[in-house]
Amino acid sequence: MQQGLCHTCQSPASTAGCDGRAKSLVEENAVVVFAQRGCCMSYVVRRLLYAAGANPAVYEVEERDVDGLAGELATTGAAPRIQFPVVFIGGRWFGGPERVIATHITEELSPLLKQAGALWL
């Protein structure tokens, strides 16, 4: 069975997350999406971010590696119980699909992305 790859650093996905790099991915990228491979809501979140003009770093993890990555993300200030996909904007935990969709609908998403340096506008 093939392991997933981090779309940002291209390292193999493991139970430790991006070889322990989840925290640095959050710190180094204006927008990061941590997603479970094949999840339809992850696709929706990425499309909304792309539509808003952002180019998020995307890390997809296999189902068997979700718990390890969730544990690592908990150290970055994310909610204690993480559900994927998880979005970080400007180095801070933003939320999941519901929050991304809600801020998109209320037209608050683009200003947040701009403030985080994720847009070139």
PDB file of N, CA and C in Angstrom:
ATOM      1  N   MET A   1       0.842  -1.179   0.000  1.00  0.00           N
ATOM      2  CA  MET A   1       0.000   0.000   0.000  1.00  0.00           C
ATOM      3  C   MET A   1       0.886   1.240   0.000  1.00  0.00           C
ATOM      4  N   GLN A   2       0.578   2.183  -0.823  1.00  0.00           N
ATOM      5  CA  GLN A   2       1.383   3.383  -0.977  1.00  0.00           C
ATOM      6  C   GLN A   2       1.045   4.391   0.102  1.00  0.00           C
ATOM      7  N   GLN A   3       2.100   5.002   0.677  1.00  0.00           N
ATOM      8  CA  GLN A   3       1.894   6.047   1.667  1.00  0.00           C
ATOM      9  C   GLN A   3       1.553   7.345   0.965  1.00  0.00           C
ATOM     10  N   GLY A   4       0.819   8.212   1.659  1.00  0.00           N
ATOM     11  CA  GLY A   4       0.522   9.528   1.124  1.00  0.00           C
ATOM     12  C   GLY A   4       1.757  10.405   1.188  1.00  0.00           C
ATOM     13  N   LEU A   5       1.756  11.469   0.423  1.00  0.00           N
ATOM     14  CA  LEU A   5       2.842  12.429   0.439  1.00  0.00           C
ATOM     15  C   LEU A   5       2.323  13.784   0.847  1.00  0.00           C
ATOM     16  N   CYS A   6       3.147  14.486   1.584  1.00  0.00           N
ATOM     17  CA  CYS A   6       2.827  15.856   1.919  1.00  0.00           C
ATOM     18  C   CYS A   6       2.993  16.664   0.640  1.00  0.00           C
ATOM     19  N   HIS A   7       1.965  17.400   0.243  1.00  0.00           N
ATOM     20  CA  HIS A   7       2.020  18.178  -0.988  1.00  0.00           C
ATOM     21  C   HIS A   7       2.931  19.387  -0.863  1.00  0.00           C
ATOM     22  N   THR A   8       3.331  19.703   0.366  1.00  0.00           N
ATOM     23  CA  THR A   8       4.216  20.832   0.577  1.00  0.00           C
ATOM     24  C   THR A   8       5.676  20.400   0.601  1.00  0.00           C
ATOM     25  N   CYS A   9       5.997  19.426   1.452  1.00  0.00           N
ATOM     26  CA  CYS A   9       7.408  19.049   1.576  1.00  0.00           C
ATOM     27  C   CYS A   9       7.742  17.753   0.852  1.00  0.00           C
ATOM     28  N   GLN A  10       6.731  17.072   0.320  1.00  0.00           N
ATOM     29  CA  GLN A  10       6.878  15.833  -0.441  1.00  0.00           C
ATOM     30  C   GLN A  10       7.473  14.687   0.374  1.00  0.00           C
ATOM     31  N   SER A  11       7.398  14.770   1.715  1.00  0.00           N
ATOM     32  CA  SER A  11       7.866  13.660   2.534  1.00  0.00           C
ATOM     33  C   SER A  11       6.732  12.661   2.714  1.00  0.00           C
ATOM     34  N   PRO A  12       7.067  11.378   2.968  1.00  0.00           N
ATOM     35  CA  PRO A  12       6.011  10.391   3.164  1.00  0.00           C
ATOM     36  C   PRO A  12       5.181  10.727   4.392  1.00  0.00           C
ATOM     37  N   ALA A  13       3.871  10.542   4.272  1.00  0.00           N
ATOM     38  CA  ALA A  13       2.998  10.734   5.424  1.00  0.00           C
ATOM     39  C   ALA A  13       3.271   9.608   6.408  1.00  0.00           C
ATOM     40  N   SER A  14       3.283   9.926   7.670  1.00  0.00           N
ATOM     41  CA  SER A  14       3.511   8.916   8.692  1.00  0.00           C
ATOM     42  C   SER A  14       2.612   9.219   9.877  1.00  0.00           C
ATOM     43  N   THR A  15       2.612   8.342  10.870  1.00  0.00           N
ATOM     44  CA  THR A  15       1.774   8.574  12.034  1.00  0.00           C
ATOM     45  C   THR A  15       2.245   9.782  12.817  1.00  0.00           C
ATOM     46  N   ALA A  16       3.445  10.253  12.581  1.00  0.00           N
ATOM     47  CA  ALA A  16       3.934  11.447  13.267  1.00  0.00           C
ATOM     48  C   ALA A  16       3.569  12.699  12.493  1.00  0.00           C
ATOM     49  N   GLY A  17       2.719  12.585  11.521  1.00  0.00           N
ATOM     50  CA  GLY A  17       2.409  13.742  10.689  1.00  0.00           C
ATOM     51  C   GLY A  17       3.516  13.892   9.673  1.00  0.00           C
ATOM     52  N   CYS A  18       3.718  15.040   9.194  1.00  0.00           N
ATOM     53  CA  CYS A  18       4.684  15.316   8.131  1.00  0.00           C
ATOM     54  C   CYS A  18       6.087  15.208   8.699  1.00  0.00           C
ATOM     55  N   ASP A  19       6.466  13.995   9.134  1.00  0.00           N
ATOM     56  CA  ASP A  19       7.736  13.754   9.799  1.00  0.00           C
ATOM     57  C   ASP A  19       7.966  14.780  10.904  1.00  0.00           C
ATOM     58  N   GLY A  20       6.901  15.088  11.651  1.00  0.00           N
ATOM     59  CA  GLY A  20       6.997  16.050  12.728  1.00  0.00           C
ATOM     60  C   GLY A  20       6.984  17.495  12.258  1.00  0.00           C
ATOM     61  N   ARG A  21       6.655  17.749  11.004  1.00  0.00           N
ATOM     62  CA  ARG A  21       6.732  19.094  10.449  1.00  0.00           C
ATOM     63  C   ARG A  21       5.400  19.820  10.397  1.00  0.00           C
ATOM     64  N   ALA A  22       4.344  19.271  10.952  1.00  0.00           N
ATOM     65  CA  ALA A  22       3.037  19.942  10.859  1.00  0.00           C
ATOM     66  C   ALA A  22       3.112  21.351  11.429  1.00  0.00           C
ATOM     67  N   LYS A  23       3.767  21.501  12.561  1.00  0.00           N
ATOM     68  CA  LYS A  23       3.863  22.823  13.184  1.00  0.00           C
ATOM     69  C   LYS A  23       4.622  23.794  12.285  1.00  0.00           C
ATOM     70  N   SER A  24       5.711  23.342  11.678  1.00  0.00           N
ATOM     71  CA  SER A  24       6.454  24.252  10.798  1.00  0.00           C
ATOM     72  C   SER A  24       5.690  24.539   9.511  1.00  0.00           C
ATOM     73  N   LEU A  25       4.888  23.600   9.020  1.00  0.00           N
ATOM     74  CA  LEU A  25       4.045  23.876   7.853  1.00  0.00           C
ATOM     75  C   LEU A  25       3.063  24.999   8.172  1.00  0.00           C
ATOM     76  N   VAL A  26       2.499  24.959   9.363  1.00  0.00           N
ATOM     77  CA  VAL A  26       1.555  25.990   9.784  1.00  0.00           C
ATOM     78  C   VAL A  26       2.254  27.335   9.903  1.00  0.00           C
ATOM     79  N   GLU A  27       3.464  27.334  10.455  1.00  0.00           N
ATOM     80  CA  GLU A  27       4.199  28.585  10.656  1.00  0.00           C
ATOM     81  C   GLU A  27       4.735  29.167   9.348  1.00  0.00           C
ATOM     82  N   GLU A  28       5.063  28.310   8.372  1.00  0.00           N
ATOM     83  CA  GLU A  28       5.720  28.757   7.144  1.00  0.00           C
ATOM     84  C   GLU A  28       4.771  29.102   6.003  1.00  0.00           C
ATOM     85  N   ASN A  29       3.502  28.746   6.121  1.00  0.00           N
ATOM     86  CA  ASN A  29       2.543  28.953   5.030  1.00  0.00           C
ATOM     87  C   ASN A  29       1.367  29.798   5.500  1.00  0.00           C
ATOM     88  N   ALA A  30       0.918  30.716   4.650  1.00  0.00           N
ATOM     89  CA  ALA A  30      -0.200  31.579   5.008  1.00  0.00           C
ATOM     90  C   ALA A  30      -1.485  30.779   5.189  1.00  0.00           C
ATOM     91  N   VAL A  31      -1.676  29.734   4.381  1.00  0.00           N
ATOM     92  CA  VAL A  31      -2.862  28.881   4.480  1.00  0.00           C
ATOM     93  C   VAL A  31      -2.431  27.426   4.325  1.00  0.00           C
ATOM     94  N   VAL A  32      -2.875  26.590   5.254  1.00  0.00           N
ATOM     95  CA  VAL A  32      -2.571  25.159   5.192  1.00  0.00           C
ATOM     96  C   VAL A  32      -3.865  24.387   5.403  1.00  0.00           C
ATOM     97  N   VAL A  33      -4.069  23.373   4.579  1.00  0.00           N
ATOM     98  CA  VAL A  33      -5.205  22.469   4.724  1.00  0.00           C
ATOM     99  C   VAL A  33      -4.653  21.084   5.009  1.00  0.00           C
ATOM    100  N   PHE A  34      -5.014  20.531   6.160  1.00  0.00           N
ATOM    101  CA  PHE A  34      -4.687  19.150   6.500  1.00  0.00           C
ATOM    102  C   PHE A  34      -5.942  18.349   6.234  1.00  0.00           C
ATOM    103  N   ALA A  35      -5.848  17.373   5.347  1.00  0.00           N
ATOM    104  CA  ALA A  35      -7.036  16.665   4.886  1.00  0.00           C
ATOM    105  C   ALA A  35      -6.825  15.164   4.882  1.00  0.00           C
ATOM    106  N   GLN A  36      -7.917  14.447   5.008  1.00  0.00           N
ATOM    107  CA  GLN A  36      -7.889  13.005   4.856  1.00  0.00           C
ATOM    108  C   GLN A  36      -8.041  12.699   3.372  1.00  0.00           C
ATOM    109  N   ARG A  37      -7.173  11.865   2.845  1.00  0.00           N
ATOM    110  CA  ARG A  37      -7.181  11.545   1.421  1.00  0.00           C
ATOM    111  C   ARG A  37      -8.544  11.013   0.988  1.00  0.00           C
ATOM    112  N   GLY A  38      -9.086  11.607  -0.086  1.00  0.00           N
ATOM    113  CA  GLY A  38     -10.342  11.151  -0.661  1.00  0.00           C
ATOM    114  C   GLY A  38     -11.582  11.764  -0.035  1.00  0.00           C
ATOM    115  N   CYS A  39     -11.419  12.653   0.928  1.00  0.00           N
ATOM    116  CA  CYS A  39     -12.560  13.261   1.614  1.00  0.00           C
ATOM    117  C   CYS A  39     -13.194  14.331   0.725  1.00  0.00           C
ATOM    118  N   CYS A  40     -14.491  14.233   0.498  1.00  0.00           N
ATOM    119  CA  CYS A  40     -15.169  15.195  -0.372  1.00  0.00           C
ATOM    120  C   CYS A  40     -15.192  16.592   0.239  1.00  0.00           C
ATOM    121  N   MET A  41     -15.278  16.712   1.551  1.00  0.00           N
ATOM    122  CA  MET A  41     -15.285  18.029   2.178  1.00  0.00           C
ATOM    123  C   MET A  41     -13.912  18.692   2.062  1.00  0.00           C
ATOM    124  N   SER A  42     -12.866  17.915   2.018  1.00  0.00           N
ATOM    125  CA  SER A  42     -11.534  18.475   1.799  1.00  0.00           C
ATOM    126  C   SER A  42     -11.457  19.108   0.421  1.00  0.00           C
ATOM    127  N   TYR A  43     -12.069  18.465  -0.540  1.00  0.00           N
ATOM    128  CA  TYR A  43     -12.122  19.001  -1.892  1.00  0.00           C
ATOM    129  C   TYR A  43     -12.878  20.333  -1.906  1.00  0.00           C
ATOM    130  N   VAL A  44     -14.014  20.381  -1.208  1.00  0.00           N
ATOM    131  CA  VAL A  44     -14.827  21.600  -1.149  1.00  0.00           C
ATOM    132  C   VAL A  44     -14.026  22.738  -0.518  1.00  0.00           C
ATOM    133  N   VAL A  45     -13.349  22.461   0.589  1.00  0.00           N
ATOM    134  CA  VAL A  45     -12.553  23.489   1.274  1.00  0.00           C
ATOM    135  C   VAL A  45     -11.453  24.017   0.362  1.00  0.00           C
ATOM    136  N   ARG A  46     -10.748  23.120  -0.293  1.00  0.00           N
ATOM    137  CA  ARG A  46      -9.673  23.556  -1.205  1.00  0.00           C
ATOM    138  C   ARG A  46     -10.234  24.403  -2.338  1.00  0.00           C
ATOM    139  N   ARG A  47     -11.356  23.998  -2.926  1.00  0.00           N
ATOM    140  CA  ARG A  47     -11.952  24.756  -4.029  1.00  0.00           C
ATOM    141  C   ARG A  47     -12.391  26.151  -3.581  1.00  0.00           C
ATOM    142  N   LEU A  48     -12.958  26.257  -2.393  1.00  0.00           N
ATOM    143  CA  LEU A  48     -13.362  27.573  -1.882  1.00  0.00           C
ATOM    144  C   LEU A  48     -12.147  28.469  -1.657  1.00  0.00           C
ATOM    145  N   LEU A  49     -11.081  27.911  -1.133  1.00  0.00           N
ATOM    146  CA  LEU A  49      -9.862  28.697  -0.920  1.00  0.00           C
ATOM    147  C   LEU A  49      -9.252  29.128  -2.252  1.00  0.00           C
ATOM    148  N   TYR A  50      -9.235  28.214  -3.228  1.00  0.00           N
ATOM    149  CA  TYR A  50      -8.733  28.572  -4.562  1.00  0.00           C
ATOM    150  C   TYR A  50      -9.609  29.665  -5.175  1.00  0.00           C
ATOM    151  N   ALA A  51     -10.932  29.539  -5.037  1.00  0.00           N
ATOM    152  CA  ALA A  51     -11.855  30.519  -5.602  1.00  0.00           C
ATOM    153  C   ALA A  51     -11.663  31.901  -4.973  1.00  0.00           C
ATOM    154  N   ALA A  52     -11.246  31.916  -3.709  1.00  0.00           N
ATOM    155  CA  ALA A  52     -11.004  33.180  -3.026  1.00  0.00           C
ATOM    156  C   ALA A  52      -9.658  33.784  -3.424  1.00  0.00           C
ATOM    157  N   GLY A  53      -8.855  33.021  -4.171  1.00  0.00           N
ATOM    158  CA  GLY A  53      -7.575  33.527  -4.642  1.00  0.00           C
ATOM    159  C   GLY A  53      -6.372  33.015  -3.887  1.00  0.00           C
ATOM    160  N   ALA A  54      -6.585  32.143  -2.913  1.00  0.00           N
ATOM    161  CA  ALA A  54      -5.472  31.590  -2.135  1.00  0.00           C
ATOM    162  C   ALA A  54      -4.935  30.330  -2.802  1.00  0.00           C
ATOM    163  N   ASN A  55      -3.708  30.021  -2.516  1.00  0.00           N
ATOM    164  CA  ASN A  55      -3.084  28.789  -2.980  1.00  0.00           C
ATOM    165  C   ASN A  55      -2.569  28.057  -1.743  1.00  0.00           C
ATOM    166  N   PRO A  56      -3.459  27.321  -1.062  1.00  0.00           N
ATOM    167  CA  PRO A  56      -3.076  26.723   0.214  1.00  0.00           C
ATOM    168  C   PRO A  56      -2.070  25.590   0.059  1.00  0.00           C
ATOM    169  N   ALA A  57      -1.221  25.448   1.065  1.00  0.00           N
ATOM    170  CA  ALA A  57      -0.406  24.243   1.170  1.00  0.00           C
ATOM    171  C   ALA A  57      -1.368  23.146   1.603  1.00  0.00           C
ATOM    172  N   VAL A  58      -1.313  21.995   0.974  1.00  0.00           N
ATOM    173  CA  VAL A  58      -2.244  20.910   1.270  1.00  0.00           C
ATOM    174  C   VAL A  58      -1.459  19.686   1.700  1.00  0.00           C
ATOM    175  N   TYR A  59      -1.834  19.145   2.837  1.00  0.00           N
ATOM    176  CA  TYR A  59      -1.244  17.903   3.329  1.00  0.00           C
ATOM    177  C   TYR A  59      -2.360  16.889   3.457  1.00  0.00           C
ATOM    178  N   GLU A  60      -2.288  15.822   2.663  1.00  0.00           N
ATOM    179  CA  GLU A  60      -3.297  14.769   2.712  1.00  0.00           C
ATOM    180  C   GLU A  60      -2.722  13.571   3.454  1.00  0.00           C
ATOM    181  N   VAL A  61      -3.532  13.002   4.314  1.00  0.00           N
ATOM    182  CA  VAL A  61      -3.095  11.874   5.123  1.00  0.00           C
ATOM    183  C   VAL A  61      -4.048  10.701   4.910  1.00  0.00           C
ATOM    184  N   GLU A  62      -3.499   9.512   4.955  1.00  0.00           N
ATOM    185  CA  GLU A  62      -4.312   8.300   4.850  1.00  0.00           C
ATOM    186  C   GLU A  62      -5.108   8.133   6.144  1.00  0.00           C
ATOM    187  N   GLU A  63      -6.215   7.421   6.058  1.00  0.00           N
ATOM    188  CA  GLU A  63      -7.083   7.232   7.222  1.00  0.00           C
ATOM    189  C   GLU A  63      -6.332   6.634   8.411  1.00  0.00           C
ATOM    190  N   ARG A  64      -5.427   5.721   8.147  1.00  0.00           N
ATOM    191  CA  ARG A  64      -4.692   5.065   9.235  1.00  0.00           C
ATOM    192  C   ARG A  64      -3.750   6.021   9.964  1.00  0.00           C
ATOM    193  N   ASP A  65      -3.437   7.156   9.370  1.00  0.00           N
ATOM    194  CA  ASP A  65      -2.505   8.109   9.966  1.00  0.00           C
ATOM    195  C   ASP A  65      -3.184   9.328  10.580  1.00  0.00           C
ATOM    196  N   VAL A  66      -4.506   9.354  10.560  1.00  0.00           N
ATOM    197  CA  VAL A  66      -5.263  10.513  11.032  1.00  0.00           C
ATOM    198  C   VAL A  66      -4.986  10.793  12.514  1.00  0.00           C
ATOM    199  N   ASP A  67      -4.993   9.770  13.351  1.00  0.00           N
ATOM    200  CA  ASP A  67      -4.818   9.987  14.788  1.00  0.00           C
ATOM    201  C   ASP A  67      -3.463  10.606  15.114  1.00  0.00           C
ATOM    202  N   GLY A  68      -2.403  10.137  14.456  1.00  0.00           N
ATOM    203  CA  GLY A  68      -1.072  10.694  14.697  1.00  0.00           C
ATOM    204  C   GLY A  68      -0.990  12.150  14.309  1.00  0.00           C
ATOM    205  N   LEU A  69      -1.548  12.487  13.172  1.00  0.00           N
ATOM    206  CA  LEU A  69      -1.536  13.883  12.725  1.00  0.00           C
ATOM    207  C   LEU A  69      -2.418  14.744  13.624  1.00  0.00           C
ATOM    208  N   ALA A  70      -3.562  14.223  14.045  1.00  0.00           N
ATOM    209  CA  ALA A  70      -4.445  14.975  14.943  1.00  0.00           C
ATOM    210  C   ALA A  70      -3.733  15.303  16.247  1.00  0.00           C
ATOM    211  N   GLY A  71      -2.973  14.353  16.761  1.00  0.00           N
ATOM    212  CA  GLY A  71      -2.207  14.597  17.984  1.00  0.00           C
ATOM    213  C   GLY A  71      -1.171  15.686  17.793  1.00  0.00           C
ATOM    214  N   GLU A  72      -0.509  15.657  16.655  1.00  0.00           N
ATOM    215  CA  GLU A  72       0.492  16.689  16.371  1.00  0.00           C
ATOM    216  C   GLU A  72      -0.153  18.054  16.186  1.00  0.00           C
ATOM    217  N   LEU A  73      -1.289  18.107  15.502  1.00  0.00           N
ATOM    218  CA  LEU A  73      -1.972  19.384  15.273  1.00  0.00           C
ATOM    219  C   LEU A  73      -2.510  19.975  16.571  1.00  0.00           C
ATOM    220  N   ALA A  74      -2.832  19.129  17.543  1.00  0.00           N
ATOM    221  CA  ALA A  74      -3.317  19.623  18.825  1.00  0.00           C
ATOM    222  C   ALA A  74      -2.266  20.492  19.509  1.00  0.00           C
ATOM    223  N   THR A  75      -0.992  20.271  19.202  1.00  0.00           N
ATOM    224  CA  THR A  75       0.082  21.076  19.802  1.00  0.00           C
ATOM    225  C   THR A  75       0.219  22.440  19.126  1.00  0.00           C
ATOM    226  N   THR A  76      -0.514  22.678  18.046  1.00  0.00           N
ATOM    227  CA  THR A  76      -0.425  23.950  17.324  1.00  0.00           C
ATOM    228  C   THR A  76      -1.530  24.915  17.720  1.00  0.00           C
ATOM    229  N   GLY A  77      -2.341  24.535  18.691  1.00  0.00           N
ATOM    230  CA  GLY A  77      -3.429  25.399  19.120  1.00  0.00           C
ATOM    231  C   GLY A  77      -4.763  25.058  18.498  1.00  0.00           C
ATOM    232  N   ALA A  78      -4.830  23.956  17.776  1.00  0.00           N
ATOM    233  CA  ALA A  78      -6.099  23.527  17.187  1.00  0.00           C
ATOM    234  C   ALA A  78      -7.020  23.020  18.291  1.00  0.00           C
ATOM    235  N   ALA A  79      -8.269  22.842  17.951  1.00  0.00           N
ATOM    236  CA  ALA A  79      -9.248  22.349  18.918  1.00  0.00           C
ATOM    237  C   ALA A  79      -8.803  20.998  19.455  1.00  0.00           C
ATOM    238  N   PRO A  80      -9.187  20.686  20.690  1.00  0.00           N
ATOM    239  CA  PRO A  80      -8.775  19.405  21.283  1.00  0.00           C
ATOM    240  C   PRO A  80      -9.254  18.188  20.489  1.00  0.00           C
ATOM    241  N   ARG A  81     -10.439  18.274  19.900  1.00  0.00           N
ATOM    242  CA  ARG A  81     -10.971  17.170  19.084  1.00  0.00           C
ATOM    243  C   ARG A  81     -11.005  17.658  17.649  1.00  0.00           C
ATOM    244  N   ILE A  82     -10.063  17.186  16.869  1.00  0.00           N
ATOM    245  CA  ILE A  82      -9.910  17.642  15.489  1.00  0.00           C
ATOM    246  C   ILE A  82     -10.687  16.739  14.547  1.00  0.00           C
ATOM    247  N   GLN A  83     -11.423  17.361  13.643  1.00  0.00           N
ATOM    248  CA  GLN A  83     -12.072  16.647  12.556  1.00  0.00           C
ATOM    249  C   GLN A  83     -11.506  17.195  11.257  1.00  0.00           C
ATOM    250  N   PHE A  84     -11.167  16.315  10.349  1.00  0.00           N
ATOM    251  CA  PHE A  84     -10.567  16.723   9.088  1.00  0.00           C
ATOM    252  C   PHE A  84     -11.640  17.044   8.068  1.00  0.00           C
ATOM    253  N   PRO A  85     -11.390  18.009   7.195  1.00  0.00           N
ATOM    254  CA  PRO A  85     -10.176  18.786   7.011  1.00  0.00           C
ATOM    255  C   PRO A  85     -10.031  19.884   8.070  1.00  0.00           C
ATOM    256  N   VAL A  86      -8.779  20.212   8.342  1.00  0.00           N
ATOM    257  CA  VAL A  86      -8.429  21.261   9.299  1.00  0.00           C
ATOM    258  C   VAL A  86      -7.720  22.366   8.529  1.00  0.00           C
ATOM    259  N   VAL A  87      -8.119  23.609   8.754  1.00  0.00           N
ATOM    260  CA  VAL A  87      -7.542  24.742   8.037  1.00  0.00           C
ATOM    261  C   VAL A  87      -6.850  25.671   9.025  1.00  0.00           C
ATOM    262  N   PHE A  88      -5.634  26.067   8.662  1.00  0.00           N
ATOM    263  CA  PHE A  88      -4.882  27.067   9.409  1.00  0.00           C
ATOM    264  C   PHE A  88      -4.688  28.266   8.490  1.00  0.00           C
ATOM    265  N   ILE A  89      -4.974  29.453   9.006  1.00  0.00           N
ATOM    266  CA  ILE A  89      -4.771  30.686   8.248  1.00  0.00           C
ATOM    267  C   ILE A  89      -3.922  31.622   9.097  1.00  0.00           C
ATOM    268  N   GLY A  90      -2.851  32.118   8.517  1.00  0.00           N
ATOM    269  CA  GLY A  90      -1.980  33.042   9.230  1.00  0.00           C
ATOM    270  C   GLY A  90      -1.323  32.436  10.453  1.00  0.00           C
ATOM    271  N   GLY A  91      -1.037  31.148  10.399  1.00  0.00           N
ATOM    272  CA  GLY A  91      -0.365  30.472  11.506  1.00  0.00           C
ATOM    273  C   GLY A  91      -1.264  30.081  12.659  1.00  0.00           C
ATOM    274  N   ARG A  92      -2.567  30.283  12.502  1.00  0.00           N
ATOM    275  CA  ARG A  92      -3.501  29.964  13.576  1.00  0.00           C
ATOM    276  C   ARG A  92      -4.581  29.026  13.068  1.00  0.00           C
ATOM    277  N   TRP A  93      -5.060  28.184  13.984  1.00  0.00           N
ATOM    278  CA  TRP A  93      -6.152  27.283  13.650  1.00  0.00           C
ATOM    279  C   TRP A  93      -7.376  28.105  13.289  1.00  0.00           C
ATOM    280  N   PHE A  94      -7.935  27.825  12.112  1.00  0.00           N
ATOM    281  CA  PHE A  94      -9.101  28.550  11.631  1.00  0.00           C
ATOM    282  C   PHE A  94     -10.376  27.747  11.848  1.00  0.00           C
ATOM    283  N   GLY A  95     -10.309  26.463  11.555  1.00  0.00           N
ATOM    284  CA  GLY A  95     -11.481  25.607  11.717  1.00  0.00           C
ATOM    285  C   GLY A  95     -11.571  24.589  10.606  1.00  0.00           C
ATOM    286  N   GLY A  96     -12.770  24.125  10.388  1.00  0.00           N
ATOM    287  CA  GLY A  96     -13.012  23.108   9.376  1.00  0.00           C
ATOM    288  C   GLY A  96     -13.918  23.622   8.270  1.00  0.00           C
ATOM    289  N   PRO A  97     -14.564  22.711   7.573  1.00  0.00           N
ATOM    290  CA  PRO A  97     -15.380  23.081   6.421  1.00  0.00           C
ATOM    291  C   PRO A  97     -16.501  24.064   6.756  1.00  0.00           C
ATOM    292  N   GLU A  98     -17.151  23.865   7.908  1.00  0.00           N
ATOM    293  CA  GLU A  98     -18.273  24.744   8.258  1.00  0.00           C
ATOM    294  C   GLU A  98     -17.809  26.193   8.361  1.00  0.00           C
ATOM    295  N   ARG A  99     -16.659  26.402   8.985  1.00  0.00           N
ATOM    296  CA  ARG A  99     -16.158  27.771   9.163  1.00  0.00           C
ATOM    297  C   ARG A  99     -15.728  28.370   7.832  1.00  0.00           C
ATOM    298  N   VAL A 100     -15.069  27.583   6.995  1.00  0.00           N
ATOM    299  CA  VAL A 100     -14.636  28.085   5.688  1.00  0.00           C
ATOM    300  C   VAL A 100     -15.853  28.458   4.845  1.00  0.00           C
ATOM    301  N   ILE A 101     -16.846  27.589   4.830  1.00  0.00           N
ATOM    302  CA  ILE A 101     -18.065  27.860   4.048  1.00  0.00           C
ATOM    303  C   ILE A 101     -18.785  29.088   4.593  1.00  0.00           C
ATOM    304  N   ALA A 102     -18.930  29.175   5.907  1.00  0.00           N
ATOM    305  CA  ALA A 102     -19.654  30.300   6.515  1.00  0.00           C
ATOM    306  C   ALA A 102     -18.951  31.625   6.221  1.00  0.00           C
ATOM    307  N   THR A 103     -17.624  31.663   6.338  1.00  0.00           N
ATOM    308  CA  THR A 103     -16.917  32.916   6.083  1.00  0.00           C
ATOM    309  C   THR A 103     -16.908  33.251   4.593  1.00  0.00           C
ATOM    310  N   HIS A 104     -16.985  32.241   3.760  1.00  0.00           N
ATOM    311  CA  HIS A 104     -17.093  32.488   2.321  1.00  0.00           C
ATOM    312  C   HIS A 104     -18.456  33.128   2.009  1.00  0.00           C
ATOM    313  N   ILE A 105     -19.508  32.571   2.571  1.00  0.00           N
ATOM    314  CA  ILE A 105     -20.860  33.077   2.317  1.00  0.00           C
ATOM    315  C   ILE A 105     -21.013  34.508   2.818  1.00  0.00           C
ATOM    316  N   THR A 106     -20.445  34.806   3.973  1.00  0.00           N
ATOM    317  CA  THR A 106     -20.572  36.155   4.547  1.00  0.00           C
ATOM    318  C   THR A 106     -19.521  37.122   4.006  1.00  0.00           C
ATOM    319  N   GLU A 107     -18.746  36.667   3.045  1.00  0.00           N
ATOM    320  CA  GLU A 107     -17.708  37.465   2.386  1.00  0.00           C
ATOM    321  C   GLU A 107     -16.614  37.938   3.340  1.00  0.00           C
ATOM    322  N   GLU A 108     -16.373  37.163   4.399  1.00  0.00           N
ATOM    323  CA  GLU A 108     -15.314  37.462   5.346  1.00  0.00           C
ATOM    324  C   GLU A 108     -14.033  36.694   5.031  1.00  0.00           C
ATOM    325  N   LEU A 109     -14.113  35.687   4.163  1.00  0.00           N
ATOM    326  CA  LEU A 109     -12.964  34.836   3.895  1.00  0.00           C
ATOM    327  C   LEU A 109     -11.844  35.589   3.178  1.00  0.00           C
ATOM    328  N   SER A 110     -12.156  36.297   2.127  1.00  0.00           N
ATOM    329  CA  SER A 110     -11.120  37.014   1.372  1.00  0.00           C
ATOM    330  C   SER A 110     -10.363  38.033   2.224  1.00  0.00           C
ATOM    331  N   PRO A 111     -11.051  38.850   3.032  1.00  0.00           N
ATOM    332  CA  PRO A 111     -10.299  39.770   3.890  1.00  0.00           C
ATOM    333  C   PRO A 111      -9.377  39.053   4.885  1.00  0.00           C
ATOM    334  N   LEU A 112      -9.831  37.913   5.420  1.00  0.00           N
ATOM    335  CA  LEU A 112      -8.989  37.143   6.337  1.00  0.00           C
ATOM    336  C   LEU A 112      -7.747  36.613   5.621  1.00  0.00           C
ATOM    337  N   LEU A 113      -7.951  36.120   4.401  1.00  0.00           N
ATOM    338  CA  LEU A 113      -6.827  35.600   3.620  1.00  0.00           C
ATOM    339  C   LEU A 113      -5.865  36.720   3.255  1.00  0.00           C
ATOM    340  N   LYS A 114      -6.408  37.870   2.924  1.00  0.00           N
ATOM    341  CA  LYS A 114      -5.564  39.016   2.583  1.00  0.00           C
ATOM    342  C   LYS A 114      -4.736  39.455   3.783  1.00  0.00           C
ATOM    343  N   GLN A 115      -5.361  39.515   4.950  1.00  0.00           N
ATOM    344  CA  GLN A 115      -4.670  39.891   6.171  1.00  0.00           C
ATOM    345  C   GLN A 115      -3.559  38.902   6.517  1.00  0.00           C
ATOM    346  N   ALA A 116      -3.759  37.642   6.200  1.00  0.00           N
ATOM    347  CA  ALA A 116      -2.762  36.604   6.485  1.00  0.00           C
ATOM    348  C   ALA A 116      -1.644  36.576   5.447  1.00  0.00           C
ATOM    349  N   GLY A 117      -1.780  37.365   4.385  1.00  0.00           N
ATOM    350  CA  GLY A 117      -0.766  37.376   3.338  1.00  0.00           C
ATOM    351  C   GLY A 117      -0.917  36.262   2.332  1.00  0.00           C
ATOM    352  N   ALA A 118      -2.123  35.706   2.250  1.00  0.00           N
ATOM    353  CA  ALA A 118      -2.375  34.592   1.337  1.00  0.00           C
ATOM    354  C   ALA A 118      -2.856  35.059  -0.031  1.00  0.00           C
ATOM    355  N   LEU A 119      -3.160  36.344  -0.158  1.00  0.00           N
ATOM    356  CA  LEU A 119      -3.639  36.896  -1.429  1.00  0.00           C
ATOM    357  C   LEU A 119      -2.688  37.983  -1.888  1.00  0.00           C
ATOM    358  N   TRP A 120      -2.579  38.136  -3.186  1.00  0.00           N
ATOM    359  CA  TRP A 120      -1.710  39.147  -3.770  1.00  0.00           C
ATOM    360  C   TRP A 120      -2.481  40.382  -4.163  1.00  0.00           C
ATOM    361  N   LEU A 121      -3.655  40.576  -3.624  1.00  0.00           N
ATOM    362  CA  LEU A 121      -4.503  41.718  -3.977  1.00  0.00           C
ATOM    363  C   LEU A 121      -4.106  42.961  -3.215  1.00  0.00           C
TER     364      LEU A 121
END
